[in-house]
Amino acid sequence: MKNIEKYVECTAELINLPLQPEHLPGVVENLEKITAIAQLVIDFPLPPEIEQAPKFDPEKLGN
């Protein structure tokens, strides 16, 4: 993600979330931390014999 600040601003506007200017740096900092943690999970190598988990489909619940 190249411009996390712009992403946060656009996303907040898109979901109609009031975001005070003084809160923006903290939100950006937390999203940067979350991104780094997620990248560790994404990059973790799994052996080929590991079976992929089934995809969660909420529409199939109760059927």
N, C-alpha and C. Protein backbone atom coordinates (compact mmCIF):
# COMPACT_ATOMS: atom_id res chain seq x y z
N MET A 1 0.86 -1.16 0.00
CA MET A 1 0.00 0.00 0.00
C MET A 1 0.91 1.23 0.00
N LYS A 2 0.81 2.02 -1.01
CA LYS A 2 1.74 3.12 -1.17
C LYS A 2 1.36 4.34 -0.33
N ASN A 3 0.10 4.69 -0.29
CA ASN A 3 -0.30 5.88 0.45
C ASN A 3 -1.41 5.51 1.42
N ILE A 4 -1.00 5.05 2.58
CA ILE A 4 -1.98 4.57 3.57
C ILE A 4 -2.86 5.71 4.06
N GLU A 5 -2.29 6.90 4.20
CA GLU A 5 -3.08 8.04 4.68
C GLU A 5 -4.24 8.33 3.72
N LYS A 6 -3.96 8.34 2.44
CA LYS A 6 -5.01 8.59 1.44
C LYS A 6 -6.04 7.46 1.47
N TYR A 7 -5.55 6.22 1.63
CA TYR A 7 -6.45 5.07 1.71
C TYR A 7 -7.40 5.21 2.90
N VAL A 8 -6.87 5.60 4.07
CA VAL A 8 -7.69 5.78 5.26
C VAL A 8 -8.72 6.87 5.03
N GLU A 9 -8.30 7.99 4.47
CA GLU A 9 -9.23 9.09 4.22
C GLU A 9 -10.35 8.67 3.27
N CYS A 10 -9.99 8.01 2.18
CA CYS A 10 -11.00 7.59 1.19
C CYS A 10 -11.94 6.53 1.75
N THR A 11 -11.39 5.59 2.50
CA THR A 11 -12.21 4.53 3.08
C THR A 11 -13.17 5.09 4.11
N ALA A 12 -12.70 6.00 4.95
CA ALA A 12 -13.57 6.62 5.95
C ALA A 12 -14.72 7.36 5.26
N GLU A 13 -14.39 8.06 4.19
CA GLU A 13 -15.43 8.78 3.45
C GLU A 13 -16.42 7.79 2.80
N LEU A 14 -15.88 6.72 2.23
CA LEU A 14 -16.71 5.73 1.55
C LEU A 14 -17.72 5.08 2.50
N ILE A 15 -17.30 4.78 3.73
CA ILE A 15 -18.21 4.13 4.68
C ILE A 15 -18.89 5.12 5.62
N ASN A 16 -18.75 6.41 5.28
CA ASN A 16 -19.40 7.48 6.04
C ASN A 16 -18.98 7.45 7.52
N LEU A 17 -17.68 7.30 7.74
CA LEU A 17 -17.12 7.27 9.08
C LEU A 17 -16.47 8.62 9.37
N PRO A 18 -17.03 9.37 10.31
CA PRO A 18 -16.39 10.65 10.63
C PRO A 18 -15.03 10.42 11.27
N LEU A 19 -13.99 10.95 10.67
CA LEU A 19 -12.64 10.77 11.17
C LEU A 19 -12.04 12.15 11.41
N GLN A 20 -11.81 12.46 12.67
CA GLN A 20 -11.25 13.76 13.03
C GLN A 20 -9.80 13.84 12.57
N PRO A 21 -9.36 14.99 12.08
CA PRO A 21 -7.99 15.14 11.58
C PRO A 21 -6.93 14.75 12.62
N GLU A 22 -7.20 15.00 13.89
CA GLU A 22 -6.21 14.66 14.92
C GLU A 22 -6.11 13.15 15.15
N HIS A 23 -7.10 12.38 14.68
CA HIS A 23 -7.06 10.92 14.83
C HIS A 23 -6.38 10.23 13.66
N LEU A 24 -6.26 10.92 12.54
CA LEU A 24 -5.71 10.33 11.32
C LEU A 24 -4.31 9.72 11.52
N PRO A 25 -3.37 10.41 12.16
CA PRO A 25 -2.03 9.79 12.32
C PRO A 25 -2.07 8.47 13.09
N GLY A 26 -2.88 8.38 14.11
CA GLY A 26 -2.99 7.13 14.88
C GLY A 26 -3.60 6.01 14.07
N VAL A 27 -4.61 6.33 13.28
CA VAL A 27 -5.25 5.32 12.43
C VAL A 27 -4.26 4.82 11.39
N VAL A 28 -3.52 5.75 10.79
CA VAL A 28 -2.52 5.38 9.78
C VAL A 28 -1.44 4.50 10.41
N GLU A 29 -0.97 4.88 11.59
CA GLU A 29 0.07 4.10 12.27
C GLU A 29 -0.42 2.68 12.57
N ASN A 30 -1.64 2.56 13.04
CA ASN A 30 -2.18 1.23 13.34
C ASN A 30 -2.36 0.40 12.07
N LEU A 31 -2.81 1.01 10.99
CA LEU A 31 -2.97 0.27 9.74
C LEU A 31 -1.62 -0.18 9.19
N GLU A 32 -0.59 0.64 9.36
CA GLU A 32 0.75 0.24 8.94
C GLU A 32 1.22 -0.98 9.74
N LYS A 33 0.94 -1.00 11.04
CA LYS A 33 1.31 -2.15 11.88
C LYS A 33 0.54 -3.40 11.47
N ILE A 34 -0.77 -3.23 11.23
CA ILE A 34 -1.60 -4.35 10.80
C ILE A 34 -1.10 -4.91 9.47
N THR A 35 -0.72 -4.02 8.56
CA THR A 35 -0.22 -4.43 7.25
C THR A 35 1.06 -5.26 7.40
N ALA A 36 1.95 -4.83 8.27
CA ALA A 36 3.20 -5.56 8.49
C ALA A 36 2.94 -6.95 9.08
N ILE A 37 2.01 -7.03 10.03
CA ILE A 37 1.67 -8.32 10.63
C ILE A 37 1.02 -9.23 9.59
N ALA A 38 0.11 -8.69 8.81
CA ALA A 38 -0.56 -9.49 7.79
C ALA A 38 0.44 -10.01 6.76
N GLN A 39 1.44 -9.21 6.44
CA GLN A 39 2.44 -9.63 5.46
C GLN A 39 3.22 -10.84 5.96
N LEU A 40 3.46 -10.91 7.26
CA LEU A 40 4.13 -12.09 7.83
C LEU A 40 3.31 -13.35 7.60
N VAL A 41 2.01 -13.24 7.76
CA VAL A 41 1.13 -14.39 7.55
C VAL A 41 1.08 -14.75 6.07
N ILE A 42 0.94 -13.74 5.22
CA ILE A 42 0.87 -13.98 3.77
C ILE A 42 2.14 -14.65 3.26
N ASP A 43 3.30 -14.22 3.78
CA ASP A 43 4.58 -14.73 3.29
C ASP A 43 4.99 -16.07 3.90
N PHE A 44 4.26 -16.54 4.91
CA PHE A 44 4.65 -17.78 5.58
C PHE A 44 4.49 -18.96 4.63
N PRO A 45 5.57 -19.68 4.39
CA PRO A 45 5.49 -20.79 3.43
C PRO A 45 4.79 -22.01 4.05
N LEU A 46 3.91 -22.59 3.30
CA LEU A 46 3.23 -23.82 3.71
C LEU A 46 3.66 -24.96 2.81
N PRO A 47 3.88 -26.12 3.39
CA PRO A 47 4.24 -27.25 2.55
C PRO A 47 3.07 -27.64 1.64
N PRO A 48 3.35 -28.24 0.49
CA PRO A 48 2.29 -28.57 -0.47
C PRO A 48 1.27 -29.57 0.07
N GLU A 49 1.64 -30.38 1.07
CA GLU A 49 0.69 -31.37 1.59
C GLU A 49 -0.36 -30.77 2.54
N ILE A 50 -0.21 -29.50 2.87
CA ILE A 50 -1.21 -28.84 3.72
C ILE A 50 -2.46 -28.58 2.87
N GLU A 51 -3.58 -29.05 3.36
CA GLU A 51 -4.83 -28.89 2.63
C GLU A 51 -5.43 -27.52 2.91
N GLN A 52 -5.88 -26.88 1.87
CA GLN A 52 -6.47 -25.56 2.00
C GLN A 52 -7.80 -25.65 2.75
N ALA A 53 -8.03 -24.68 3.63
CA ALA A 53 -9.29 -24.64 4.38
C ALA A 53 -10.44 -24.32 3.43
N PRO A 54 -11.64 -24.80 3.74
CA PRO A 54 -12.78 -24.48 2.88
C PRO A 54 -13.10 -23.00 2.96
N LYS A 55 -13.68 -22.49 1.90
CA LYS A 55 -14.06 -21.08 1.85
C LYS A 55 -15.34 -20.88 2.65
N PHE A 56 -15.33 -19.86 3.50
CA PHE A 56 -16.52 -19.52 4.28
C PHE A 56 -17.53 -18.83 3.38
N ASP A 57 -18.73 -19.34 3.35
CA ASP A 57 -19.80 -18.75 2.54
C ASP A 57 -21.02 -18.55 3.43
N PRO A 58 -21.26 -17.32 3.90
CA PRO A 58 -22.37 -17.07 4.83
C PRO A 58 -23.74 -17.38 4.23
N GLU A 59 -23.85 -17.38 2.90
CA GLU A 59 -25.12 -17.68 2.26
C GLU A 59 -25.52 -19.13 2.43
N LYS A 60 -24.54 -20.00 2.70
CA LYS A 60 -24.82 -21.44 2.85
C LYS A 60 -25.12 -21.81 4.29
N LEU A 61 -25.05 -20.86 5.23
CA LEU A 61 -25.35 -21.14 6.61
C LEU A 61 -26.81 -21.54 6.77
N GLY A 62 -27.05 -22.54 7.56
CA GLY A 62 -28.42 -22.98 7.82
C GLY A 62 -29.02 -23.85 6.73
N ASN A 63 -28.28 -24.14 5.69
CA ASN A 63 -28.80 -25.01 4.60
C ASN A 63 -28.30 -26.41 4.78
